[in-house]
Amino acid sequence: MDGGLIAIGAGIGAGLVTIGAGLGIGKITAAAADATGRQPEAAGDIRTTALIMSALIEGVALFCAVTCFLLSGNVG
């Protein structure tokens, strides 16, 4: 397989992972803000849940991005 295509695919994959993680964390943040506005007394629990979910998304995104960069490093 052509090394240039692998590098382009890895770059596109890393970009898609970043966009997906940003959209996911943005959606979690919007939902948490909405939930806090509806039920202010549960703000601590909502914040904790949102932080855990954001950390899980970041972990998966980091794993995927590293995989893409490792694939692009094996070109040649």
PDB file of N, CA and C in Angstrom:
ATOM      1  N   MET A   1       0.837  -1.179   0.000  1.00  0.00           N
ATOM      2  CA  MET A   1       0.000   0.000   0.000  1.00  0.00           C
ATOM      3  C   MET A   1       0.881   1.241   0.000  1.00  0.00           C
ATOM      4  N   ASP A   2       0.419   2.291  -0.608  1.00  0.00           N
ATOM      5  CA  ASP A   2       1.183   3.518  -0.717  1.00  0.00           C
ATOM      6  C   ASP A   2       1.301   4.201   0.646  1.00  0.00           C
ATOM      7  N   GLY A   3       2.518   4.587   1.009  1.00  0.00           N
ATOM      8  CA  GLY A   3       2.747   5.228   2.301  1.00  0.00           C
ATOM      9  C   GLY A   3       2.064   6.565   2.441  1.00  0.00           C
ATOM     10  N   GLY A   4       1.921   7.284   1.328  1.00  0.00           N
ATOM     11  CA  GLY A   4       1.258   8.582   1.384  1.00  0.00           C
ATOM     12  C   GLY A   4      -0.211   8.457   1.741  1.00  0.00           C
ATOM     13  N   LEU A   5      -0.854   7.414   1.224  1.00  0.00           N
ATOM     14  CA  LEU A   5      -2.267   7.203   1.550  1.00  0.00           C
ATOM     15  C   LEU A   5      -2.449   6.847   3.020  1.00  0.00           C
ATOM     16  N   ILE A   6      -1.507   6.096   3.569  1.00  0.00           N
ATOM     17  CA  ILE A   6      -1.583   5.749   4.990  1.00  0.00           C
ATOM     18  C   ILE A   6      -1.452   7.009   5.833  1.00  0.00           C
ATOM     19  N   ALA A   7      -0.515   7.880   5.469  1.00  0.00           N
ATOM     20  CA  ALA A   7      -0.315   9.118   6.222  1.00  0.00           C
ATOM     21  C   ALA A   7      -1.532  10.028   6.133  1.00  0.00           C
ATOM     22  N   ILE A   8      -2.119  10.129   4.949  1.00  0.00           N
ATOM     23  CA  ILE A   8      -3.320  10.960   4.788  1.00  0.00           C
ATOM     24  C   ILE A   8      -4.479  10.377   5.598  1.00  0.00           C
ATOM     25  N   GLY A   9      -4.646   9.056   5.536  1.00  0.00           N
ATOM     26  CA  GLY A   9      -5.708   8.402   6.304  1.00  0.00           C
ATOM     27  C   GLY A   9      -5.525   8.595   7.799  1.00  0.00           C
ATOM     28  N   ALA A  10      -4.290   8.501   8.269  1.00  0.00           N
ATOM     29  CA  ALA A  10      -4.021   8.694   9.691  1.00  0.00           C
ATOM     30  C   ALA A  10      -4.306  10.141  10.108  1.00  0.00           C
ATOM     31  N   GLY A  11      -3.939  11.091   9.264  1.00  0.00           N
ATOM     32  CA  GLY A  11      -4.218  12.497   9.569  1.00  0.00           C
ATOM     33  C   GLY A  11      -5.706  12.792   9.595  1.00  0.00           C
ATOM     34  N   ILE A  12      -6.438  12.255   8.629  1.00  0.00           N
ATOM     35  CA  ILE A  12      -7.896  12.448   8.602  1.00  0.00           C
ATOM     36  C   ILE A  12      -8.534  11.770   9.812  1.00  0.00           C
ATOM     37  N   GLY A  13      -8.055  10.582  10.154  1.00  0.00           N
ATOM     38  CA  GLY A  13      -8.587   9.878  11.324  1.00  0.00           C
ATOM     39  C   GLY A  13      -8.370  10.649  12.610  1.00  0.00           C
ATOM     40  N   ALA A  14      -7.189  11.212  12.783  1.00  0.00           N
ATOM     41  CA  ALA A  14      -6.904  11.996  13.986  1.00  0.00           C
ATOM     42  C   ALA A  14      -7.784  13.245  14.034  1.00  0.00           C
ATOM     43  N   GLY A  15      -8.006  13.857  12.883  1.00  0.00           N
ATOM     44  CA  GLY A  15      -8.884  15.029  12.844  1.00  0.00           C
ATOM     45  C   GLY A  15     -10.319  14.678  13.180  1.00  0.00           C
ATOM     46  N   LEU A  16     -10.812  13.564  12.669  1.00  0.00           N
ATOM     47  CA  LEU A  16     -12.176  13.140  12.970  1.00  0.00           C
ATOM     48  C   LEU A  16     -12.341  12.794  14.444  1.00  0.00           C
ATOM     49  N   VAL A  17     -11.321  12.178  15.022  1.00  0.00           N
ATOM     50  CA  VAL A  17     -11.363  11.870  16.456  1.00  0.00           C
ATOM     51  C   VAL A  17     -11.459  13.156  17.271  1.00  0.00           C
ATOM     52  N   THR A  18     -10.688  14.159  16.905  1.00  0.00           N
ATOM     53  CA  THR A  18     -10.702  15.425  17.627  1.00  0.00           C
ATOM     54  C   THR A  18     -12.054  16.113  17.505  1.00  0.00           C
ATOM     55  N   ILE A  19     -12.613  16.123  16.303  1.00  0.00           N
ATOM     56  CA  ILE A  19     -13.926  16.736  16.101  1.00  0.00           C
ATOM     57  C   ILE A  19     -14.993  15.990  16.905  1.00  0.00           C
ATOM     58  N   GLY A  20     -14.958  14.659  16.864  1.00  0.00           N
ATOM     59  CA  GLY A  20     -15.935  13.865  17.602  1.00  0.00           C
ATOM     60  C   GLY A  20     -15.851  14.082  19.096  1.00  0.00           C
ATOM     61  N   ALA A  21     -14.635  14.134  19.623  1.00  0.00           N
ATOM     62  CA  ALA A  21     -14.470  14.370  21.063  1.00  0.00           C
ATOM     63  C   ALA A  21     -14.966  15.757  21.442  1.00  0.00           C
ATOM     64  N   GLY A  22     -14.672  16.748  20.620  1.00  0.00           N
ATOM     65  CA  GLY A  22     -15.143  18.106  20.905  1.00  0.00           C
ATOM     66  C   GLY A  22     -16.660  18.199  20.901  1.00  0.00           C
ATOM     67  N   LEU A  23     -17.277  17.558  19.927  1.00  0.00           N
ATOM     68  CA  LEU A  23     -18.744  17.559  19.871  1.00  0.00           C
ATOM     69  C   LEU A  23     -19.353  16.822  21.067  1.00  0.00           C
ATOM     70  N   GLY A  24     -18.769  15.693  21.437  1.00  0.00           N
ATOM     71  CA  GLY A  24     -19.280  14.924  22.562  1.00  0.00           C
ATOM     72  C   GLY A  24     -19.177  15.675  23.878  1.00  0.00           C
ATOM     73  N   ILE A  25     -18.034  16.290  24.121  1.00  0.00           N
ATOM     74  CA  ILE A  25     -17.842  17.041  25.364  1.00  0.00           C
ATOM     75  C   ILE A  25     -18.728  18.283  25.372  1.00  0.00           C
ATOM     76  N   GLY A  26     -18.897  18.905  24.215  1.00  0.00           N
ATOM     77  CA  GLY A  26     -19.802  20.055  24.141  1.00  0.00           C
ATOM     78  C   GLY A  26     -21.238  19.674  24.459  1.00  0.00           C
ATOM     79  N   LYS A  27     -21.653  18.525  23.963  1.00  0.00           N
ATOM     80  CA  LYS A  27     -23.019  18.064  24.239  1.00  0.00           C
ATOM     81  C   LYS A  27     -23.194  17.727  25.723  1.00  0.00           C
ATOM     82  N   ILE A  28     -22.204  17.111  26.333  1.00  0.00           N
ATOM     83  CA  ILE A  28     -22.264  16.809  27.763  1.00  0.00           C
ATOM     84  C   ILE A  28     -22.340  18.096  28.579  1.00  0.00           C
ATOM     85  N   THR A  29     -21.528  19.074  28.218  1.00  0.00           N
ATOM     86  CA  THR A  29     -21.514  20.341  28.943  1.00  0.00           C
ATOM     87  C   THR A  29     -22.849  21.067  28.819  1.00  0.00           C
ATOM     88  N   ALA A  30     -23.416  21.071  27.626  1.00  0.00           N
ATOM     89  CA  ALA A  30     -24.718  21.717  27.431  1.00  0.00           C
ATOM     90  C   ALA A  30     -25.798  21.016  28.240  1.00  0.00           C
ATOM     91  N   ALA A  31     -25.779  19.694  28.244  1.00  0.00           N
ATOM     92  CA  ALA A  31     -26.784  18.951  29.011  1.00  0.00           C
ATOM     93  C   ALA A  31     -26.604  19.176  30.510  1.00  0.00           C
ATOM     94  N   ALA A  32     -25.355  19.243  30.964  1.00  0.00           N
ATOM     95  CA  ALA A  32     -25.102  19.483  32.385  1.00  0.00           C
ATOM     96  C   ALA A  32     -25.554  20.876  32.801  1.00  0.00           C
ATOM     97  N   ALA A  33     -25.314  21.862  31.962  1.00  0.00           N
ATOM     98  CA  ALA A  33     -25.759  23.223  32.274  1.00  0.00           C
ATOM     99  C   ALA A  33     -27.283  23.303  32.307  1.00  0.00           C
ATOM    100  N   ASP A  34     -27.930  22.630  31.374  1.00  0.00           N
ATOM    101  CA  ASP A  34     -29.389  22.604  31.346  1.00  0.00           C
ATOM    102  C   ASP A  34     -29.948  21.895  32.584  1.00  0.00           C
ATOM    103  N   ALA A  35     -29.337  20.772  32.941  1.00  0.00           N
ATOM    104  CA  ALA A  35     -29.801  20.028  34.114  1.00  0.00           C
ATOM    105  C   ALA A  35     -29.582  20.818  35.401  1.00  0.00           C
ATOM    106  N   THR A  36     -28.477  21.533  35.481  1.00  0.00           N
ATOM    107  CA  THR A  36     -28.211  22.351  36.667  1.00  0.00           C
ATOM    108  C   THR A  36     -29.210  23.495  36.758  1.00  0.00           C
ATOM    109  N   GLY A  37     -29.585  24.061  35.629  1.00  0.00           N
ATOM    110  CA  GLY A  37     -30.581  25.123  35.625  1.00  0.00           C
ATOM    111  C   GLY A  37     -31.953  24.618  36.058  1.00  0.00           C
ATOM    112  N   ARG A  38     -32.263  23.391  35.709  1.00  0.00           N
ATOM    113  CA  ARG A  38     -33.567  22.823  36.089  1.00  0.00           C
ATOM    114  C   ARG A  38     -33.590  22.358  37.537  1.00  0.00           C
ATOM    115  N   GLN A  39     -32.451  21.871  38.038  1.00  0.00           N
ATOM    116  CA  GLN A  39     -32.401  21.319  39.380  1.00  0.00           C
ATOM    117  C   GLN A  39     -31.093  21.752  40.060  1.00  0.00           C
ATOM    118  N   PRO A  40     -31.043  22.996  40.541  1.00  0.00           N
ATOM    119  CA  PRO A  40     -29.794  23.531  41.100  1.00  0.00           C
ATOM    120  C   PRO A  40     -29.275  22.759  42.315  1.00  0.00           C
ATOM    121  N   GLU A  41     -30.158  22.130  43.066  1.00  0.00           N
ATOM    122  CA  GLU A  41     -29.705  21.417  44.265  1.00  0.00           C
ATOM    123  C   GLU A  41     -28.895  20.159  43.927  1.00  0.00           C
ATOM    124  N   ALA A  42     -28.968  19.694  42.698  1.00  0.00           N
ATOM    125  CA  ALA A  42     -28.206  18.510  42.273  1.00  0.00           C
ATOM    126  C   ALA A  42     -26.954  18.889  41.485  1.00  0.00           C
ATOM    127  N   ALA A  43     -26.522  20.139  41.597  1.00  0.00           N
ATOM    128  CA  ALA A  43     -25.395  20.621  40.791  1.00  0.00           C
ATOM    129  C   ALA A  43     -24.115  19.822  41.026  1.00  0.00           C
ATOM    130  N   GLY A  44     -23.849  19.432  42.264  1.00  0.00           N
ATOM    131  CA  GLY A  44     -22.630  18.672  42.559  1.00  0.00           C
ATOM    132  C   GLY A  44     -22.613  17.318  41.880  1.00  0.00           C
ATOM    133  N   ASP A  45     -23.729  16.597  41.957  1.00  0.00           N
ATOM    134  CA  ASP A  45     -23.814  15.284  41.309  1.00  0.00           C
ATOM    135  C   ASP A  45     -23.740  15.405  39.797  1.00  0.00           C
ATOM    136  N   ILE A  46     -24.393  16.419  39.254  1.00  0.00           N
ATOM    137  CA  ILE A  46     -24.373  16.634  37.799  1.00  0.00           C
ATOM    138  C   ILE A  46     -22.965  16.949  37.329  1.00  0.00           C
ATOM    139  N   ARG A  47     -22.276  17.808  38.081  1.00  0.00           N
ATOM    140  CA  ARG A  47     -20.912  18.190  37.720  1.00  0.00           C
ATOM    141  C   ARG A  47     -19.982  16.976  37.751  1.00  0.00           C
ATOM    142  N   THR A  48     -20.125  16.142  38.782  1.00  0.00           N
ATOM    143  CA  THR A  48     -19.286  14.950  38.903  1.00  0.00           C
ATOM    144  C   THR A  48     -19.505  14.001  37.730  1.00  0.00           C
ATOM    145  N   THR A  49     -20.758  13.772  37.404  1.00  0.00           N
ATOM    146  CA  THR A  49     -21.073  12.880  36.289  1.00  0.00           C
ATOM    147  C   THR A  49     -20.537  13.435  34.973  1.00  0.00           C
ATOM    148  N   ALA A  50     -20.689  14.738  34.765  1.00  0.00           N
ATOM    149  CA  ALA A  50     -20.204  15.353  33.532  1.00  0.00           C
ATOM    150  C   ALA A  50     -18.679  15.257  33.431  1.00  0.00           C
ATOM    151  N   LEU A  51     -17.972  15.442  34.533  1.00  0.00           N
ATOM    152  CA  LEU A  51     -16.512  15.344  34.507  1.00  0.00           C
ATOM    153  C   LEU A  51     -16.054  13.916  34.217  1.00  0.00           C
ATOM    154  N   ILE A  52     -16.734  12.939  34.799  1.00  0.00           N
ATOM    155  CA  ILE A  52     -16.367  11.543  34.540  1.00  0.00           C
ATOM    156  C   ILE A  52     -16.603  11.201  33.073  1.00  0.00           C
ATOM    157  N   MET A  53     -17.743  11.609  32.540  1.00  0.00           N
ATOM    158  CA  MET A  53     -18.035  11.328  31.129  1.00  0.00           C
ATOM    159  C   MET A  53     -17.037  12.028  30.207  1.00  0.00           C
ATOM    160  N   SER A  54     -16.691  13.258  30.518  1.00  0.00           N
ATOM    161  CA  SER A  54     -15.713  13.993  29.707  1.00  0.00           C
ATOM    162  C   SER A  54     -14.346  13.311  29.750  1.00  0.00           C
ATOM    163  N   ALA A  55     -13.966  12.818  30.916  1.00  0.00           N
ATOM    164  CA  ALA A  55     -12.676  12.130  31.031  1.00  0.00           C
ATOM    165  C   ALA A  55     -12.673  10.839  30.219  1.00  0.00           C
ATOM    166  N   LEU A  56     -13.785  10.123  30.219  1.00  0.00           N
ATOM    167  CA  LEU A  56     -13.859   8.899  29.423  1.00  0.00           C
ATOM    168  C   LEU A  56     -13.761   9.200  27.931  1.00  0.00           C
ATOM    169  N   ILE A  57     -14.433  10.252  27.494  1.00  0.00           N
ATOM    170  CA  ILE A  57     -14.349  10.637  26.081  1.00  0.00           C
ATOM    171  C   ILE A  57     -12.921  11.042  25.724  1.00  0.00           C
ATOM    172  N   GLU A  58     -12.282  11.812  26.589  1.00  0.00           N
ATOM    173  CA  GLU A  58     -10.906  12.228  26.326  1.00  0.00           C
ATOM    174  C   GLU A  58      -9.968  11.025  26.261  1.00  0.00           C
ATOM    175  N   GLY A  59     -10.191  10.040  27.119  1.00  0.00           N
ATOM    176  CA  GLY A  59      -9.347   8.842  27.101  1.00  0.00           C
ATOM    177  C   GLY A  59      -9.469   8.081  25.796  1.00  0.00           C
ATOM    178  N   VAL A  60     -10.687   7.890  25.340  1.00  0.00           N
ATOM    179  CA  VAL A  60     -10.903   7.185  24.077  1.00  0.00           C
ATOM    180  C   VAL A  60     -10.321   7.988  22.912  1.00  0.00           C
ATOM    181  N   ALA A  61     -10.529   9.311  22.938  1.00  0.00           N
ATOM    182  CA  ALA A  61     -10.000  10.159  21.865  1.00  0.00           C
ATOM    183  C   ALA A  61      -8.477  10.126  21.835  1.00  0.00           C
ATOM    184  N   LEU A  62      -7.861  10.151  22.996  1.00  0.00           N
ATOM    185  CA  LEU A  62      -6.403  10.090  23.050  1.00  0.00           C
ATOM    186  C   LEU A  62      -5.894   8.760  22.512  1.00  0.00           C
ATOM    187  N   PHE A  63      -6.542   7.670  22.893  1.00  0.00           N
ATOM    188  CA  PHE A  63      -6.154   6.346  22.390  1.00  0.00           C
ATOM    189  C   PHE A  63      -6.254   6.291  20.878  1.00  0.00           C
ATOM    190  N   CYS A  64      -7.356   6.814  20.331  1.00  0.00           N
ATOM    191  CA  CYS A  64      -7.549   6.782  18.875  1.00  0.00           C
ATOM    192  C   CYS A  64      -6.540   7.667  18.152  1.00  0.00           C
ATOM    193  N   ALA A  65      -6.278   8.847  18.699  1.00  0.00           N
ATOM    194  CA  ALA A  65      -5.322   9.752  18.069  1.00  0.00           C
ATOM    195  C   ALA A  65      -3.915   9.152  18.087  1.00  0.00           C
ATOM    196  N   VAL A  66      -3.525   8.540  19.196  1.00  0.00           N
ATOM    197  CA  VAL A  66      -2.206   7.910  19.279  1.00  0.00           C
ATOM    198  C   VAL A  66      -2.109   6.761  18.282  1.00  0.00           C
ATOM    199  N   THR A  67      -3.188   6.004  18.144  1.00  0.00           N
ATOM    200  CA  THR A  67      -3.205   4.920  17.159  1.00  0.00           C
ATOM    201  C   THR A  67      -3.001   5.463  15.752  1.00  0.00           C
ATOM    202  N   CYS A  68      -3.688   6.561  15.428  1.00  0.00           N
ATOM    203  CA  CYS A  68      -3.514   7.172  14.104  1.00  0.00           C
ATOM    204  C   CYS A  68      -2.080   7.632  13.888  1.00  0.00           C
ATOM    205  N   PHE A  69      -1.487   8.258  14.913  1.00  0.00           N
ATOM    206  CA  PHE A  69      -0.112   8.732  14.765  1.00  0.00           C
ATOM    207  C   PHE A  69       0.877   7.572  14.670  1.00  0.00           C
ATOM    208  N   LEU A  70       0.618   6.503  15.380  1.00  0.00           N
ATOM    209  CA  LEU A  70       1.490   5.336  15.264  1.00  0.00           C
ATOM    210  C   LEU A  70       1.393   4.703  13.874  1.00  0.00           C
ATOM    211  N   LEU A  71       0.193   4.670  13.318  1.00  0.00           N
ATOM    212  CA  LEU A  71       0.041   4.151  11.957  1.00  0.00           C
ATOM    213  C   LEU A  71       0.791   5.015  10.953  1.00  0.00           C
ATOM    214  N   SER A  72       0.738   6.335  11.137  1.00  0.00           N
ATOM    215  CA  SER A  72       1.434   7.200  10.194  1.00  0.00           C
ATOM    216  C   SER A  72       2.947   7.102  10.363  1.00  0.00           C
ATOM    217  N   GLY A  73       3.407   6.719  11.556  1.00  0.00           N
ATOM    218  CA  GLY A  73       4.854   6.555  11.773  1.00  0.00           C
ATOM    219  C   GLY A  73       5.407   5.306  11.124  1.00  0.00           C
ATOM    220  N   ASN A  74       4.547   4.347  10.822  1.00  0.00           N
ATOM    221  CA  ASN A  74       4.997   3.102  10.185  1.00  0.00           C
ATOM    222  C   ASN A  74       4.997   3.178   8.671  1.00  0.00           C
ATOM    223  N   VAL A  75       4.916   4.359   8.128  1.00  0.00           N
ATOM    224  CA  VAL A  75       4.913   4.543   6.680  1.00  0.00           C
ATOM    225  C   VAL A  75       6.334   4.308   6.182  1.00  0.00           C
ATOM    226  N   GLY A  76       6.410   3.570   5.122  1.00  0.00           N
ATOM    227  CA  GLY A  76       7.723   3.432   4.528  1.00  0.00           C
ATOM    228  C   GLY A  76       8.050   2.029   4.290  1.00  0.00           C
TER     229      GLY A  76
END
